[in-house]
């Protein structure tokens, strides 16, 4: 029962924050972000910018996931 309640309120959670509001958003992107972004960029035939911040990389990943169809729930 508790699990169902958690699922019902998942959209209200503060664990998913807008990258613009990240405390560390202005730091260089992580290695994992760089790796995934490189893969997505290749698939989308778009340039990979290795100088993005964490927040910028997160937004770019979302854009490229939309373009490539990756990361969508089945």
PDB file of N, CA and C in Angstrom:
ATOM      1  N   UNK A   1       0.829  -1.191   0.000  1.00  0.00           N
ATOM      2  CA  UNK A   1       0.000   0.000   0.000  1.00  0.00           C
ATOM      3  C   UNK A   1       0.872   1.254   0.000  1.00  0.00           C
ATOM      4  N   UNK A   2       1.913   1.270   0.792  1.00  0.00           N
ATOM      5  CA  UNK A   2       2.792   2.431   0.853  1.00  0.00           C
ATOM      6  C   UNK A   2       3.468   2.674  -0.488  1.00  0.00           C
ATOM      7  N   UNK A   3       3.823   1.586  -1.167  1.00  0.00           N
ATOM      8  CA  UNK A   3       4.473   1.714  -2.475  1.00  0.00           C
ATOM      9  C   UNK A   3       3.538   2.386  -3.481  1.00  0.00           C
ATOM     10  N   UNK A   4       2.266   2.044  -3.440  1.00  0.00           N
ATOM     11  CA  UNK A   4       1.287   2.645  -4.343  1.00  0.00           C
ATOM     12  C   UNK A   4       1.182   4.145  -4.076  1.00  0.00           C
ATOM     13  N   UNK A   5       1.205   4.524  -2.812  1.00  0.00           N
ATOM     14  CA  UNK A   5       1.122   5.928  -2.437  1.00  0.00           C
ATOM     15  C   UNK A   5       2.336   6.696  -2.954  1.00  0.00           C
ATOM     16  N   UNK A   6       3.500   6.075  -2.873  1.00  0.00           N
ATOM     17  CA  UNK A   6       4.725   6.694  -3.378  1.00  0.00           C
ATOM     18  C   UNK A   6       4.602   6.925  -4.873  1.00  0.00           C
ATOM     19  N   UNK A   7       4.120   5.925  -5.604  1.00  0.00           N
ATOM     20  CA  UNK A   7       3.967   6.043  -7.040  1.00  0.00           C
ATOM     21  C   UNK A   7       2.972   7.149  -7.415  1.00  0.00           C
ATOM     22  N   UNK A   8       1.900   7.261  -6.645  1.00  0.00           N
ATOM     23  CA  UNK A   8       0.883   8.276  -6.928  1.00  0.00           C
ATOM     24  C   UNK A   8       1.437   9.687  -6.798  1.00  0.00           C
ATOM     25  N   UNK A   9       2.425   9.858  -5.921  1.00  0.00           N
ATOM     26  CA  UNK A   9       2.981  11.183  -5.658  1.00  0.00           C
ATOM     27  C   UNK A   9       4.366  11.375  -6.276  1.00  0.00           C
ATOM     28  N   UNK A  10       4.748  10.499  -7.177  1.00  0.00           N
ATOM     29  CA  UNK A  10       6.074  10.575  -7.782  1.00  0.00           C
ATOM     30  C   UNK A  10       6.290  11.891  -8.520  1.00  0.00           C
ATOM     31  N   UNK A  11       5.265  12.395  -9.189  1.00  0.00           N
ATOM     32  CA  UNK A  11       5.401  13.644  -9.936  1.00  0.00           C
ATOM     33  C   UNK A  11       5.554  14.851  -9.020  1.00  0.00           C
ATOM     34  N   UNK A  12       5.156  14.711  -7.785  1.00  0.00           N
ATOM     35  CA  UNK A  12       5.243  15.812  -6.838  1.00  0.00           C
ATOM     36  C   UNK A  12       6.594  15.847  -6.131  1.00  0.00           C
ATOM     37  N   UNK A  13       7.419  14.864  -6.364  1.00  0.00           N
ATOM     38  CA  UNK A  13       8.692  14.735  -5.670  1.00  0.00           C
ATOM     39  C   UNK A  13       9.635  15.862  -6.027  1.00  0.00           C
ATOM     40  N   UNK A  14      10.492  16.220  -5.072  1.00  0.00           N
ATOM     41  CA  UNK A  14      11.493  17.229  -5.353  1.00  0.00           C
ATOM     42  C   UNK A  14      12.816  16.596  -5.778  1.00  0.00           C
ATOM     43  N   UNK A  15      12.810  15.296  -6.031  1.00  0.00           N
ATOM     44  CA  UNK A  15      14.040  14.637  -6.458  1.00  0.00           C
ATOM     45  C   UNK A  15      14.345  14.905  -7.919  1.00  0.00           C
ATOM     46  N   UNK A  16      13.364  15.345  -8.680  1.00  0.00           N
ATOM     47  CA  UNK A  16      13.574  15.690 -10.080  1.00  0.00           C
ATOM     48  C   UNK A  16      13.514  17.211 -10.176  1.00  0.00           C
ATOM     49  N   UNK A  17      14.696  17.812 -10.348  1.00  0.00           N
ATOM     50  CA  UNK A  17      14.775  19.265 -10.381  1.00  0.00           C
ATOM     51  C   UNK A  17      15.138  19.750 -11.772  1.00  0.00           C
ATOM     52  N   UNK A  18      14.688  20.935 -12.075  1.00  0.00           N
ATOM     53  CA  UNK A  18      15.059  21.603 -13.314  1.00  0.00           C
ATOM     54  C   UNK A  18      16.569  21.840 -13.275  1.00  0.00           C
ATOM     55  N   UNK A  19      17.290  21.465 -14.335  1.00  0.00           N
ATOM     56  CA  UNK A  19      18.740  21.670 -14.349  1.00  0.00           C
ATOM     57  C   UNK A  19      19.162  23.112 -14.071  1.00  0.00           C
ATOM     58  N   UNK A  20      18.306  24.072 -14.397  1.00  0.00           N
ATOM     59  CA  UNK A  20      18.627  25.476 -14.123  1.00  0.00           C
ATOM     60  C   UNK A  20      18.705  25.758 -12.627  1.00  0.00           C
ATOM     61  N   UNK A  21      18.104  24.886 -11.825  1.00  0.00           N
ATOM     62  CA  UNK A  21      18.090  25.078 -10.375  1.00  0.00           C
ATOM     63  C   UNK A  21      19.095  24.195  -9.640  1.00  0.00           C
ATOM     64  N   UNK A  22      19.912  23.443 -10.375  1.00  0.00           N
ATOM     65  CA  UNK A  22      20.899  22.585  -9.736  1.00  0.00           C
ATOM     66  C   UNK A  22      21.988  23.426  -9.076  1.00  0.00           C
ATOM     67  N   UNK A  23      22.354  23.073  -7.866  1.00  0.00           N
ATOM     68  CA  UNK A  23      23.432  23.759  -7.164  1.00  0.00           C
ATOM     69  C   UNK A  23      24.754  23.566  -7.897  1.00  0.00           C
ATOM     70  N   UNK A  24      24.959  22.399  -8.471  1.00  0.00           N
ATOM     71  CA  UNK A  24      26.215  22.091  -9.168  1.00  0.00           C
ATOM     72  C   UNK A  24      26.071  22.156 -10.684  1.00  0.00           C
ATOM     73  N   UNK A  25      25.012  22.775 -11.153  1.00  0.00           N
ATOM     74  CA  UNK A  25      24.734  22.818 -12.582  1.00  0.00           C
ATOM     75  C   UNK A  25      25.781  23.516 -13.421  1.00  0.00           C
ATOM     76  N   UNK A  26      26.555  24.412 -12.801  1.00  0.00           N
ATOM     77  CA  UNK A  26      27.565  25.143 -13.558  1.00  0.00           C
ATOM     78  C   UNK A  26      28.916  24.429 -13.583  1.00  0.00           C
ATOM     79  N   UNK A  27      28.986  23.268 -12.946  1.00  0.00           N
ATOM     80  CA  UNK A  27      30.217  22.473 -12.984  1.00  0.00           C
ATOM     81  C   UNK A  27      30.302  21.731 -14.312  1.00  0.00           C
ATOM     82  N   UNK A  28      31.513  21.316 -14.708  1.00  0.00           N
ATOM     83  CA  UNK A  28      31.646  20.549 -15.959  1.00  0.00           C
ATOM     84  C   UNK A  28      30.792  19.278 -15.907  1.00  0.00           C
ATOM     85  N   UNK A  29      30.299  18.866 -17.075  1.00  0.00           N
ATOM     86  CA  UNK A  29      29.483  17.646 -17.116  1.00  0.00           C
ATOM     87  C   UNK A  29      30.282  16.456 -16.594  1.00  0.00           C
ATOM     88  N   UNK A  30      29.563  15.470 -16.123  1.00  0.00           N
ATOM     89  CA  UNK A  30      30.200  14.268 -15.591  1.00  0.00           C
ATOM     90  C   UNK A  30      30.693  13.385 -16.731  1.00  0.00           C
ATOM     91  N   UNK A  31      31.523  12.438 -16.395  1.00  0.00           N
ATOM     92  CA  UNK A  31      32.006  11.480 -17.388  1.00  0.00           C
ATOM     93  C   UNK A  31      30.872  10.680 -17.992  1.00  0.00           C
ATOM     94  N   UNK A  32      29.909  10.313 -17.164  1.00  0.00           N
ATOM     95  CA  UNK A  32      28.760   9.546 -17.652  1.00  0.00           C
ATOM     96  C   UNK A  32      27.937  10.386 -18.628  1.00  0.00           C
ATOM     97  N   UNK A  33      27.731  11.663 -18.291  1.00  0.00           N
ATOM     98  CA  UNK A  33      26.993  12.541 -19.198  1.00  0.00           C
ATOM     99  C   UNK A  33      27.731  12.672 -20.528  1.00  0.00           C
ATOM    100  N   UNK A  34      29.053  12.874 -20.456  1.00  0.00           N
ATOM    101  CA  UNK A  34      29.858  13.046 -21.668  1.00  0.00           C
ATOM    102  C   UNK A  34      29.779  11.811 -22.556  1.00  0.00           C
ATOM    103  N   UNK A  35      29.880  10.642 -21.946  1.00  0.00           N
ATOM    104  CA  UNK A  35      29.832   9.401 -22.696  1.00  0.00           C
ATOM    105  C   UNK A  35      28.489   9.223 -23.391  1.00  0.00           C
ATOM    106  N   UNK A  36      27.405   9.411 -22.652  1.00  0.00           N
ATOM    107  CA  UNK A  36      26.069   9.230 -23.215  1.00  0.00           C
ATOM    108  C   UNK A  36      25.775  10.297 -24.266  1.00  0.00           C
ATOM    109  N   UNK A  37      26.188  11.524 -23.973  1.00  0.00           N
ATOM    110  CA  UNK A  37      25.961  12.619 -24.913  1.00  0.00           C
ATOM    111  C   UNK A  37      26.730  12.405 -26.207  1.00  0.00           C
ATOM    112  N   UNK A  38      27.916  11.858 -26.105  1.00  0.00           N
ATOM    113  CA  UNK A  38      28.713  11.547 -27.293  1.00  0.00           C
ATOM    114  C   UNK A  38      27.988  10.515 -28.155  1.00  0.00           C
ATOM    115  N   UNK A  39      27.463   9.487 -27.521  1.00  0.00           N
ATOM    116  CA  UNK A  39      26.718   8.443 -28.230  1.00  0.00           C
ATOM    117  C   UNK A  39      25.474   9.020 -28.894  1.00  0.00           C
ATOM    118  N   UNK A  40      24.704   9.808 -28.141  1.00  0.00           N
ATOM    119  CA  UNK A  40      23.492  10.411 -28.691  1.00  0.00           C
ATOM    120  C   UNK A  40      23.820  11.351 -29.851  1.00  0.00           C
ATOM    121  N   UNK A  41      24.886  12.121 -29.701  1.00  0.00           N
ATOM    122  CA  UNK A  41      25.290  13.059 -30.754  1.00  0.00           C
ATOM    123  C   UNK A  41      25.623  12.320 -32.041  1.00  0.00           C
ATOM    124  N   UNK A  42      26.349  11.218 -31.899  1.00  0.00           N
ATOM    125  CA  UNK A  42      26.682  10.387 -33.065  1.00  0.00           C
ATOM    126  C   UNK A  42      25.418   9.887 -33.752  1.00  0.00           C
ATOM    127  N   UNK A  43      24.511   9.337 -32.961  1.00  0.00           N
ATOM    128  CA  UNK A  43      23.274   8.781 -33.511  1.00  0.00           C
ATOM    129  C   UNK A  43      22.420   9.850 -34.181  1.00  0.00           C
ATOM    130  N   UNK A  44      22.423  11.058 -33.615  1.00  0.00           N
ATOM    131  CA  UNK A  44      21.615  12.140 -34.167  1.00  0.00           C
ATOM    132  C   UNK A  44      22.354  12.900 -35.265  1.00  0.00           C
ATOM    133  N   UNK A  45      23.611  12.507 -35.494  1.00  0.00           N
ATOM    134  CA  UNK A  45      24.453  13.174 -36.489  1.00  0.00           C
ATOM    135  C   UNK A  45      24.565  14.664 -36.194  1.00  0.00           C
ATOM    136  N   UNK A  46      24.806  14.945 -34.906  1.00  0.00           N
ATOM    137  CA  UNK A  46      24.976  16.319 -34.443  1.00  0.00           C
ATOM    138  C   UNK A  46      26.300  16.437 -33.716  1.00  0.00           C
ATOM    139  N   UNK A  47      26.787  17.662 -33.642  1.00  0.00           N
ATOM    140  CA  UNK A  47      28.079  17.915 -33.012  1.00  0.00           C
ATOM    141  C   UNK A  47      28.019  17.684 -31.509  1.00  0.00           C
ATOM    142  N   UNK A  48      29.097  17.109 -30.978  1.00  0.00           N
ATOM    143  CA  UNK A  48      29.226  16.893 -29.540  1.00  0.00           C
ATOM    144  C   UNK A  48      30.077  18.018 -28.968  1.00  0.00           C
ATOM    145  N   UNK A  49      29.531  18.748 -28.014  1.00  0.00           N
ATOM    146  CA  UNK A  49      30.252  19.841 -27.356  1.00  0.00           C
ATOM    147  C   UNK A  49      30.771  19.338 -26.018  1.00  0.00           C
ATOM    148  N   UNK A  50      32.061  19.147 -25.935  1.00  0.00           N
ATOM    149  CA  UNK A  50      32.663  18.597 -24.711  1.00  0.00           C
ATOM    150  C   UNK A  50      32.804  19.623 -23.597  1.00  0.00           C
ATOM    151  N   UNK A  51      32.416  20.865 -23.834  1.00  0.00           N
ATOM    152  CA  UNK A  51      32.579  21.923 -22.838  1.00  0.00           C
ATOM    153  C   UNK A  51      31.284  22.325 -22.138  1.00  0.00           C
ATOM    154  N   UNK A  52      30.258  21.492 -22.224  1.00  0.00           N
ATOM    155  CA  UNK A  52      28.988  21.811 -21.580  1.00  0.00           C
ATOM    156  C   UNK A  52      29.082  21.651 -20.061  1.00  0.00           C
ATOM    157  N   UNK A  53      28.245  22.390 -19.358  1.00  0.00           N
ATOM    158  CA  UNK A  53      28.120  22.213 -17.908  1.00  0.00           C
ATOM    159  C   UNK A  53      27.193  21.027 -17.642  1.00  0.00           C
ATOM    160  N   UNK A  54      27.087  20.640 -16.390  1.00  0.00           N
ATOM    161  CA  UNK A  54      26.171  19.548 -16.031  1.00  0.00           C
ATOM    162  C   UNK A  54      24.748  19.874 -16.456  1.00  0.00           C
ATOM    163  N   UNK A  55      24.307  21.090 -16.185  1.00  0.00           N
ATOM    164  CA  UNK A  55      22.938  21.481 -16.520  1.00  0.00           C
ATOM    165  C   UNK A  55      22.735  21.516 -18.034  1.00  0.00           C
ATOM    166  N   UNK A  56      23.689  22.101 -18.759  1.00  0.00           N
ATOM    167  CA  UNK A  56      23.576  22.164 -20.209  1.00  0.00           C
ATOM    168  C   UNK A  56      23.583  20.767 -20.819  1.00  0.00           C
ATOM    169  N   UNK A  57      24.427  19.896 -20.292  1.00  0.00           N
ATOM    170  CA  UNK A  57      24.496  18.521 -20.797  1.00  0.00           C
ATOM    171  C   UNK A  57      23.177  17.800 -20.567  1.00  0.00           C
ATOM    172  N   UNK A  58      22.577  17.998 -19.417  1.00  0.00           N
ATOM    173  CA  UNK A  58      21.298  17.359 -19.113  1.00  0.00           C
ATOM    174  C   UNK A  58      20.230  17.792 -20.114  1.00  0.00           C
ATOM    175  N   UNK A  59      20.177  19.078 -20.387  1.00  0.00           N
ATOM    176  CA  UNK A  59      19.193  19.591 -21.346  1.00  0.00           C
ATOM    177  C   UNK A  59      19.469  19.052 -22.750  1.00  0.00           C
ATOM    178  N   UNK A  60      20.743  19.006 -23.130  1.00  0.00           N
ATOM    179  CA  UNK A  60      21.114  18.518 -24.459  1.00  0.00           C
ATOM    180  C   UNK A  60      20.772  17.040 -24.600  1.00  0.00           C
ATOM    181  N   UNK A  61      21.006  16.275 -23.543  1.00  0.00           N
ATOM    182  CA  UNK A  61      20.652  14.853 -23.550  1.00  0.00           C
ATOM    183  C   UNK A  61      19.162  14.690 -23.805  1.00  0.00           C
ATOM    184  N   UNK A  62      18.344  15.481 -23.125  1.00  0.00           N
ATOM    185  CA  UNK A  62      16.894  15.403 -23.328  1.00  0.00           C
ATOM    186  C   UNK A  62      16.530  15.733 -24.768  1.00  0.00           C
ATOM    187  N   UNK A  63      17.154  16.759 -25.332  1.00  0.00           N
ATOM    188  CA  UNK A  63      16.882  17.140 -26.727  1.00  0.00           C
ATOM    189  C   UNK A  63      17.221  15.998 -27.682  1.00  0.00           C
ATOM    190  N   UNK A  64      18.404  15.418 -27.480  1.00  0.00           N
ATOM    191  CA  UNK A  64      18.853  14.362 -28.389  1.00  0.00           C
ATOM    192  C   UNK A  64      18.084  13.054 -28.174  1.00  0.00           C
ATOM    193  N   UNK A  65      17.648  12.794 -26.955  1.00  0.00           N
ATOM    194  CA  UNK A  65      16.800  11.621 -26.722  1.00  0.00           C
ATOM    195  C   UNK A  65      15.504  11.766 -27.500  1.00  0.00           C
ATOM    196  N   UNK A  66      14.965  12.965 -27.496  1.00  0.00           N
ATOM    197  CA  UNK A  66      13.735  13.219 -28.241  1.00  0.00           C
ATOM    198  C   UNK A  66      13.977  12.988 -29.740  1.00  0.00           C
ATOM    199  N   UNK A  67      15.083  13.496 -30.220  1.00  0.00           N
ATOM    200  CA  UNK A  67      15.392  13.376 -31.649  1.00  0.00           C
ATOM    201  C   UNK A  67      15.661  11.927 -32.064  1.00  0.00           C
ATOM    202  N   UNK A  68      16.355  11.172 -31.226  1.00  0.00           N
ATOM    203  CA  UNK A  68      16.732   9.820 -31.573  1.00  0.00           C
ATOM    204  C   UNK A  68      15.729   8.759 -31.132  1.00  0.00           C
ATOM    205  N   UNK A  69      14.825   9.124 -30.217  1.00  0.00           N
ATOM    206  CA  UNK A  69      13.862   8.159 -29.704  1.00  0.00           C
ATOM    207  C   UNK A  69      14.415   7.346 -28.550  1.00  0.00           C
ATOM    208  N   UNK A  70      15.637   7.633 -28.129  1.00  0.00           N
ATOM    209  CA  UNK A  70      16.215   6.931 -26.979  1.00  0.00           C
ATOM    210  C   UNK A  70      15.650   7.477 -25.687  1.00  0.00           C
ATOM    211  N   UNK A  71      15.643   6.642 -24.676  1.00  0.00           N
ATOM    212  CA  UNK A  71      15.228   7.090 -23.358  1.00  0.00           C
ATOM    213  C   UNK A  71      13.731   7.181 -23.158  1.00  0.00           C
ATOM    214  N   UNK A  72      12.963   6.803 -24.160  1.00  0.00           N
ATOM    215  CA  UNK A  72      11.499   6.844 -24.014  1.00  0.00           C
ATOM    216  C   UNK A  72      11.018   5.545 -23.413  1.00  0.00           C
ATOM    217  N   UNK A  73      10.027   5.678 -22.549  1.00  0.00           N
ATOM    218  CA  UNK A  73       9.426   4.479 -21.939  1.00  0.00           C
ATOM    219  C   UNK A  73       8.651   3.716 -23.008  1.00  0.00           C
ATOM    220  N   UNK A  74       8.716   2.419 -22.912  1.00  0.00           N
ATOM    221  CA  UNK A  74       8.025   1.567 -23.906  1.00  0.00           C
ATOM    222  C   UNK A  74       6.539   1.570 -23.679  1.00  0.00           C
TER     223      UNK A  74
END
